[in-house]
Structure formats: C-alpha cells, structure tokens
Amino acid sequence: MTEILNILVSIVSILISIAFYTILERKFLSYIQTRKGPNKVSLLGILQPFSDAVKLFNKAMTLPSASNITMIVAFPTITFFLSLILWPTLPLSHFNIIDSSFNSLIFFVVSS
C-alpha cells in the first residue's frame, strides 16, 4: 500500500513540477521579448499552466469524416500513460521507487 502511495505522490509531484517549469519557460521567453509574460490568471501567472490544461481539455476536436474516433482518442492516452509508467524506473535519487536491476531494460522496453 505504501509503495502505491509513493508512486502516486511522485507522479503527481512530477506533473505539478512540469506545470511550473512551463510557467518558468514562458516567463523567461517573455522577458527575452521584452513583454510581461503570462500574468492574466493569478498573481504573476502562477495558475496559468492549470488554466491552459482546463482550456485544452475543453477544446473541441475537429474530426475528419472518415476517421476512427477510438484511435484518435486512445493513442494519445496510451502514450501519456506509457510516459507515466517510465517515471518510477528512473533513478532520480538514492531512493528508487521501483528498485530493480532491470530498470534500464524496463525503460527501453516501454519506450520502444
């Protein structure tokens, strides 16, 4: 039970850190272009990545008439979950979530 909780906490913290990395990147690029950057959503644009995520999920997809809708929805979802499966195998510190001698093999098998 605690191992599942560790994996869940690490995945959530990684996703949140990626959201704040995008805000840092947008701020940095805005200062290069001599503009203020994303500051519409909250104080200094801190909630901008979450606003972008809500906008992305609410965006309507335009589908070609002769397309397979299940493939269009399923493949990005599968790719996202495969990338989340790879995180516990990476040695990010002295404590690995999945401590195995086959971590590099698991990484290459899942990513291929």
N, C-alpha and C. Protein backbone atom coordinates (compact mmCIF):
# COMPACT_ATOMS: atom_id res chain seq x y z
N MET A 1 0.83 -1.20 0.00
CA MET A 1 0.00 0.00 0.00
C MET A 1 0.86 1.26 0.00
N THR A 2 1.93 1.25 0.80
CA THR A 2 2.78 2.43 0.85
C THR A 2 3.56 2.62 -0.44
N GLU A 3 3.87 1.51 -1.13
CA GLU A 3 4.58 1.63 -2.40
C GLU A 3 3.70 2.28 -3.46
N ILE A 4 2.43 1.93 -3.48
CA ILE A 4 1.49 2.55 -4.42
C ILE A 4 1.32 4.02 -4.10
N LEU A 5 1.27 4.35 -2.81
CA LEU A 5 1.16 5.74 -2.40
C LEU A 5 2.41 6.53 -2.79
N ASN A 6 3.59 5.93 -2.65
CA ASN A 6 4.83 6.58 -3.07
C ASN A 6 4.83 6.86 -4.57
N ILE A 7 4.40 5.88 -5.34
CA ILE A 7 4.35 6.06 -6.79
C ILE A 7 3.35 7.16 -7.16
N LEU A 8 2.20 7.16 -6.53
CA LEU A 8 1.18 8.17 -6.82
C LEU A 8 1.65 9.57 -6.46
N VAL A 9 2.28 9.71 -5.30
CA VAL A 9 2.78 11.02 -4.87
C VAL A 9 3.88 11.49 -5.81
N SER A 10 4.76 10.60 -6.23
CA SER A 10 5.84 11.02 -7.13
C SER A 10 5.30 11.42 -8.49
N ILE A 11 4.31 10.72 -9.01
CA ILE A 11 3.75 11.07 -10.32
C ILE A 11 3.04 12.42 -10.25
N VAL A 12 2.28 12.66 -9.19
CA VAL A 12 1.58 13.94 -9.05
C VAL A 12 2.59 15.08 -8.89
N SER A 13 3.63 14.87 -8.11
CA SER A 13 4.62 15.93 -7.93
C SER A 13 5.39 16.20 -9.22
N ILE A 14 5.66 15.18 -10.00
CA ILE A 14 6.33 15.39 -11.28
C ILE A 14 5.44 16.17 -12.23
N LEU A 15 4.16 15.84 -12.29
CA LEU A 15 3.25 16.58 -13.18
C LEU A 15 3.10 18.04 -12.76
N ILE A 16 3.06 18.29 -11.46
CA ILE A 16 2.97 19.68 -10.98
C ILE A 16 4.27 20.43 -11.27
N SER A 17 5.41 19.76 -11.11
CA SER A 17 6.67 20.43 -11.40
C SER A 17 6.80 20.75 -12.89
N ILE A 18 6.27 19.89 -13.74
CA ILE A 18 6.28 20.18 -15.18
C ILE A 18 5.41 21.40 -15.47
N ALA A 19 4.29 21.53 -14.78
CA ALA A 19 3.43 22.70 -14.98
C ALA A 19 4.16 23.98 -14.60
N PHE A 20 4.90 23.95 -13.49
CA PHE A 20 5.62 25.15 -13.10
C PHE A 20 6.86 25.39 -13.96
N TYR A 21 7.41 24.34 -14.54
CA TYR A 21 8.51 24.53 -15.48
C TYR A 21 8.02 25.25 -16.73
N THR A 22 6.81 24.94 -17.17
CA THR A 22 6.29 25.64 -18.34
C THR A 22 6.05 27.12 -18.04
N ILE A 23 5.60 27.44 -16.83
CA ILE A 23 5.40 28.86 -16.49
C ILE A 23 6.75 29.57 -16.42
N LEU A 24 7.78 28.90 -15.92
CA LEU A 24 9.12 29.48 -15.89
C LEU A 24 9.63 29.72 -17.30
N GLU A 25 9.41 28.77 -18.17
CA GLU A 25 9.85 28.91 -19.55
C GLU A 25 9.12 30.07 -20.25
N ARG A 26 7.82 30.19 -20.02
CA ARG A 26 7.05 31.27 -20.64
C ARG A 26 7.48 32.63 -20.11
N LYS A 27 7.76 32.70 -18.81
CA LYS A 27 8.24 33.97 -18.23
C LYS A 27 9.60 34.35 -18.82
N PHE A 28 10.49 33.36 -18.91
CA PHE A 28 11.82 33.62 -19.44
C PHE A 28 11.76 34.09 -20.89
N LEU A 29 10.94 33.44 -21.70
CA LEU A 29 10.81 33.85 -23.09
C LEU A 29 10.14 35.22 -23.22
N SER A 30 9.24 35.54 -22.30
CA SER A 30 8.61 36.85 -22.37
C SER A 30 9.59 37.96 -22.00
N TYR A 31 10.49 37.70 -21.06
CA TYR A 31 11.50 38.72 -20.72
C TYR A 31 12.49 38.90 -21.86
N ILE A 32 12.78 37.86 -22.60
CA ILE A 32 13.66 37.99 -23.76
C ILE A 32 13.00 38.87 -24.81
N GLN A 33 11.68 38.74 -24.97
CA GLN A 33 10.95 39.51 -25.96
C GLN A 33 10.44 40.85 -25.42
N THR A 34 10.92 41.24 -24.26
CA THR A 34 10.56 42.49 -23.56
C THR A 34 9.05 42.70 -23.45
N ARG A 35 8.39 41.71 -22.89
CA ARG A 35 6.98 41.83 -22.54
C ARG A 35 6.79 41.21 -21.17
N LYS A 36 5.63 41.39 -20.59
CA LYS A 36 5.41 40.95 -19.22
C LYS A 36 5.26 39.45 -19.07
N GLY A 37 4.71 38.79 -20.06
CA GLY A 37 4.52 37.35 -19.96
C GLY A 37 3.15 36.99 -19.43
N PRO A 38 2.95 35.72 -19.11
CA PRO A 38 1.62 35.29 -18.64
C PRO A 38 1.36 35.80 -17.23
N ASN A 39 0.41 36.72 -17.10
CA ASN A 39 0.06 37.25 -15.79
C ASN A 39 -1.44 37.50 -15.68
N LYS A 40 -2.23 36.86 -16.49
CA LYS A 40 -3.67 37.12 -16.52
C LYS A 40 -4.44 36.30 -15.50
N VAL A 41 -4.00 35.09 -15.20
CA VAL A 41 -4.82 34.16 -14.42
C VAL A 41 -4.76 34.47 -12.94
N SER A 42 -3.59 34.70 -12.41
CA SER A 42 -3.47 34.98 -10.98
C SER A 42 -2.23 35.84 -10.76
N LEU A 43 -1.82 35.94 -9.53
CA LEU A 43 -0.64 36.72 -9.18
C LEU A 43 0.57 36.19 -9.93
N LEU A 44 1.13 36.99 -10.80
CA LEU A 44 2.30 36.65 -11.62
C LEU A 44 2.08 35.46 -12.53
N GLY A 45 0.84 35.07 -12.78
CA GLY A 45 0.56 33.97 -13.69
C GLY A 45 0.85 32.59 -13.15
N ILE A 46 0.82 32.43 -11.83
CA ILE A 46 1.16 31.14 -11.22
C ILE A 46 0.19 30.04 -11.65
N LEU A 47 -1.08 30.36 -11.81
CA LEU A 47 -2.07 29.34 -12.18
C LEU A 47 -2.26 29.21 -13.69
N GLN A 48 -1.40 29.84 -14.48
CA GLN A 48 -1.52 29.80 -15.93
C GLN A 48 -1.44 28.37 -16.49
N PRO A 49 -0.52 27.51 -16.04
CA PRO A 49 -0.50 26.14 -16.60
C PRO A 49 -1.78 25.37 -16.33
N PHE A 50 -2.39 25.58 -15.17
CA PHE A 50 -3.64 24.88 -14.87
C PHE A 50 -4.78 25.43 -15.71
N SER A 51 -4.76 26.73 -15.98
CA SER A 51 -5.75 27.32 -16.87
C SER A 51 -5.58 26.78 -18.29
N ASP A 52 -4.34 26.62 -18.73
CA ASP A 52 -4.08 26.05 -20.05
C ASP A 52 -4.57 24.61 -20.12
N ALA A 53 -4.40 23.84 -19.03
CA ALA A 53 -4.86 22.45 -19.02
C ALA A 53 -6.38 22.38 -19.12
N VAL A 54 -7.08 23.24 -18.39
CA VAL A 54 -8.55 23.26 -18.46
C VAL A 54 -9.00 23.64 -19.86
N LYS A 55 -8.33 24.62 -20.47
CA LYS A 55 -8.67 25.04 -21.82
C LYS A 55 -8.41 23.91 -22.82
N LEU A 56 -7.33 23.17 -22.61
CA LEU A 56 -7.01 22.07 -23.51
C LEU A 56 -8.03 20.95 -23.42
N PHE A 57 -8.48 20.63 -22.20
CA PHE A 57 -9.46 19.56 -22.05
C PHE A 57 -10.84 19.97 -22.56
N ASN A 58 -11.16 21.25 -22.54
CA ASN A 58 -12.46 21.72 -23.00
C ASN A 58 -12.49 22.01 -24.49
N LYS A 59 -11.35 21.99 -25.13
CA LYS A 59 -11.28 22.32 -26.54
C LYS A 59 -11.95 21.22 -27.37
N ALA A 60 -12.76 21.62 -28.31
CA ALA A 60 -13.45 20.65 -29.15
C ALA A 60 -12.52 20.19 -30.26
N MET A 61 -12.49 18.87 -30.47
CA MET A 61 -11.65 18.33 -31.53
C MET A 61 -12.44 18.30 -32.83
N THR A 62 -11.79 18.69 -33.91
CA THR A 62 -12.41 18.54 -35.22
C THR A 62 -11.93 17.22 -35.80
N LEU A 63 -12.85 16.37 -36.15
CA LEU A 63 -12.52 15.04 -36.63
C LEU A 63 -12.84 14.92 -38.11
N PRO A 64 -11.95 14.31 -38.87
CA PRO A 64 -12.27 14.04 -40.27
C PRO A 64 -13.44 13.06 -40.36
N SER A 65 -14.19 13.14 -41.43
CA SER A 65 -15.40 12.32 -41.54
C SER A 65 -15.08 10.83 -41.66
N ALA A 66 -13.96 10.48 -42.24
CA ALA A 66 -13.62 9.07 -42.43
C ALA A 66 -12.57 8.61 -41.43
N SER A 67 -12.66 9.09 -40.21
CA SER A 67 -11.64 8.72 -39.21
C SER A 67 -12.22 7.78 -38.17
N ASN A 68 -11.32 7.07 -37.52
CA ASN A 68 -11.70 6.18 -36.44
C ASN A 68 -11.55 6.95 -35.13
N ILE A 69 -12.65 7.29 -34.50
CA ILE A 69 -12.64 8.16 -33.32
C ILE A 69 -11.94 7.49 -32.15
N THR A 70 -12.10 6.17 -32.02
CA THR A 70 -11.45 5.49 -30.89
C THR A 70 -9.94 5.55 -30.99
N MET A 71 -9.39 5.49 -32.19
CA MET A 71 -7.94 5.58 -32.34
C MET A 71 -7.45 6.99 -32.03
N ILE A 72 -8.21 8.00 -32.44
CA ILE A 72 -7.80 9.38 -32.20
C ILE A 72 -7.77 9.68 -30.71
N VAL A 73 -8.68 9.11 -29.95
CA VAL A 73 -8.73 9.34 -28.50
C VAL A 73 -7.78 8.40 -27.76
N ALA A 74 -7.67 7.16 -28.21
CA ALA A 74 -6.93 6.15 -27.45
C ALA A 74 -5.42 6.32 -27.54
N PHE A 75 -4.88 6.63 -28.70
CA PHE A 75 -3.43 6.65 -28.84
C PHE A 75 -2.74 7.75 -28.03
N PRO A 76 -3.25 8.98 -27.99
CA PRO A 76 -2.61 9.95 -27.09
C PRO A 76 -2.72 9.56 -25.62
N THR A 77 -3.83 8.93 -25.24
CA THR A 77 -3.99 8.48 -23.86
C THR A 77 -3.01 7.38 -23.53
N ILE A 78 -2.84 6.43 -24.43
CA ILE A 78 -1.88 5.35 -24.22
C ILE A 78 -0.46 5.90 -24.13
N THR A 79 -0.11 6.85 -24.98
CA THR A 79 1.22 7.44 -24.95
C THR A 79 1.47 8.17 -23.64
N PHE A 80 0.47 8.88 -23.15
CA PHE A 80 0.61 9.58 -21.87
C PHE A 80 0.84 8.60 -20.73
N PHE A 81 0.06 7.52 -20.68
CA PHE A 81 0.23 6.56 -19.61
C PHE A 81 1.54 5.79 -19.72
N LEU A 82 2.02 5.55 -20.93
CA LEU A 82 3.33 4.91 -21.07
C LEU A 82 4.44 5.81 -20.55
N SER A 83 4.32 7.10 -20.79
CA SER A 83 5.33 8.01 -20.25
C SER A 83 5.27 8.08 -18.73
N LEU A 84 4.07 7.95 -18.15
CA LEU A 84 3.96 7.92 -16.70
C LEU A 84 4.50 6.63 -16.11
N ILE A 85 4.41 5.53 -16.85
CA ILE A 85 4.95 4.26 -16.38
C ILE A 85 6.47 4.33 -16.30
N LEU A 86 7.10 5.12 -17.15
CA LEU A 86 8.56 5.19 -17.17
C LEU A 86 9.14 5.93 -15.97
N TRP A 87 8.42 6.85 -15.37
CA TRP A 87 8.97 7.66 -14.28
C TRP A 87 9.45 6.85 -13.08
N PRO A 88 8.71 5.87 -12.60
CA PRO A 88 9.21 5.13 -11.43
C PRO A 88 10.48 4.33 -11.68
N THR A 89 10.80 4.05 -12.94
CA THR A 89 12.01 3.28 -13.22
C THR A 89 13.26 4.15 -13.25
N LEU A 90 13.11 5.46 -13.35
CA LEU A 90 14.27 6.33 -13.42
C LEU A 90 14.89 6.54 -12.05
N PRO A 91 16.20 6.42 -11.94
CA PRO A 91 16.85 6.66 -10.63
C PRO A 91 17.03 8.16 -10.40
N LEU A 92 16.08 8.78 -9.73
CA LEU A 92 16.12 10.22 -9.52
C LEU A 92 16.92 10.61 -8.28
N SER A 93 17.11 9.70 -7.35
CA SER A 93 17.90 9.96 -6.14
C SER A 93 18.42 8.62 -5.63
N HIS A 94 18.87 8.60 -4.40
CA HIS A 94 19.36 7.34 -3.84
C HIS A 94 18.22 6.36 -3.57
N PHE A 95 16.99 6.86 -3.57
CA PHE A 95 15.82 6.03 -3.34
C PHE A 95 15.06 5.87 -4.66
N ASN A 96 14.99 4.66 -5.16
CA ASN A 96 14.22 4.38 -6.36
C ASN A 96 12.84 3.88 -5.97
N ILE A 97 11.85 4.27 -6.71
CA ILE A 97 10.50 3.79 -6.42
C ILE A 97 10.40 2.31 -6.77
N ILE A 98 10.87 1.95 -7.95
CA ILE A 98 10.96 0.55 -8.34
C ILE A 98 12.45 0.21 -8.35
N ASP A 99 12.89 -0.48 -7.33
CA ASP A 99 14.31 -0.79 -7.19
C ASP A 99 14.56 -2.18 -7.75
N SER A 100 15.04 -2.21 -8.97
CA SER A 100 15.29 -3.47 -9.65
C SER A 100 16.56 -3.35 -10.46
N SER A 101 17.19 -4.47 -10.72
CA SER A 101 18.38 -4.44 -11.56
C SER A 101 18.02 -4.34 -13.03
N PHE A 102 16.75 -4.43 -13.35
CA PHE A 102 16.29 -4.37 -14.73
C PHE A 102 15.66 -3.03 -15.08
N ASN A 103 15.97 -1.97 -14.35
CA ASN A 103 15.35 -0.67 -14.62
C ASN A 103 15.66 -0.15 -16.02
N SER A 104 16.90 -0.28 -16.44
CA SER A 104 17.25 0.21 -17.78
C SER A 104 16.57 -0.62 -18.86
N LEU A 105 16.45 -1.93 -18.62
CA LEU A 105 15.75 -2.78 -19.58
C LEU A 105 14.26 -2.42 -19.65
N ILE A 106 13.65 -2.17 -18.50
CA ILE A 106 12.24 -1.77 -18.46
C ILE A 106 12.06 -0.45 -19.21
N PHE A 107 12.99 0.48 -19.01
CA PHE A 107 12.91 1.78 -19.68
C PHE A 107 12.94 1.61 -21.20
N PHE A 108 13.86 0.81 -21.70
CA PHE A 108 13.96 0.63 -23.15
C PHE A 108 12.80 -0.16 -23.73
N VAL A 109 12.28 -1.13 -22.99
CA VAL A 109 11.15 -1.91 -23.49
C VAL A 109 9.89 -1.06 -23.57
N VAL A 110 9.61 -0.28 -22.53
CA VAL A 110 8.39 0.53 -22.53
C VAL A 110 8.49 1.68 -23.52
N SER A 111 9.66 2.26 -23.66
CA SER A 111 9.80 3.42 -24.54
C SER A 111 9.90 3.05 -26.02
N SER A 112 10.09 1.79 -26.33
CA SER A 112 10.24 1.42 -27.74
C SER A 112 8.94 1.10 -28.39
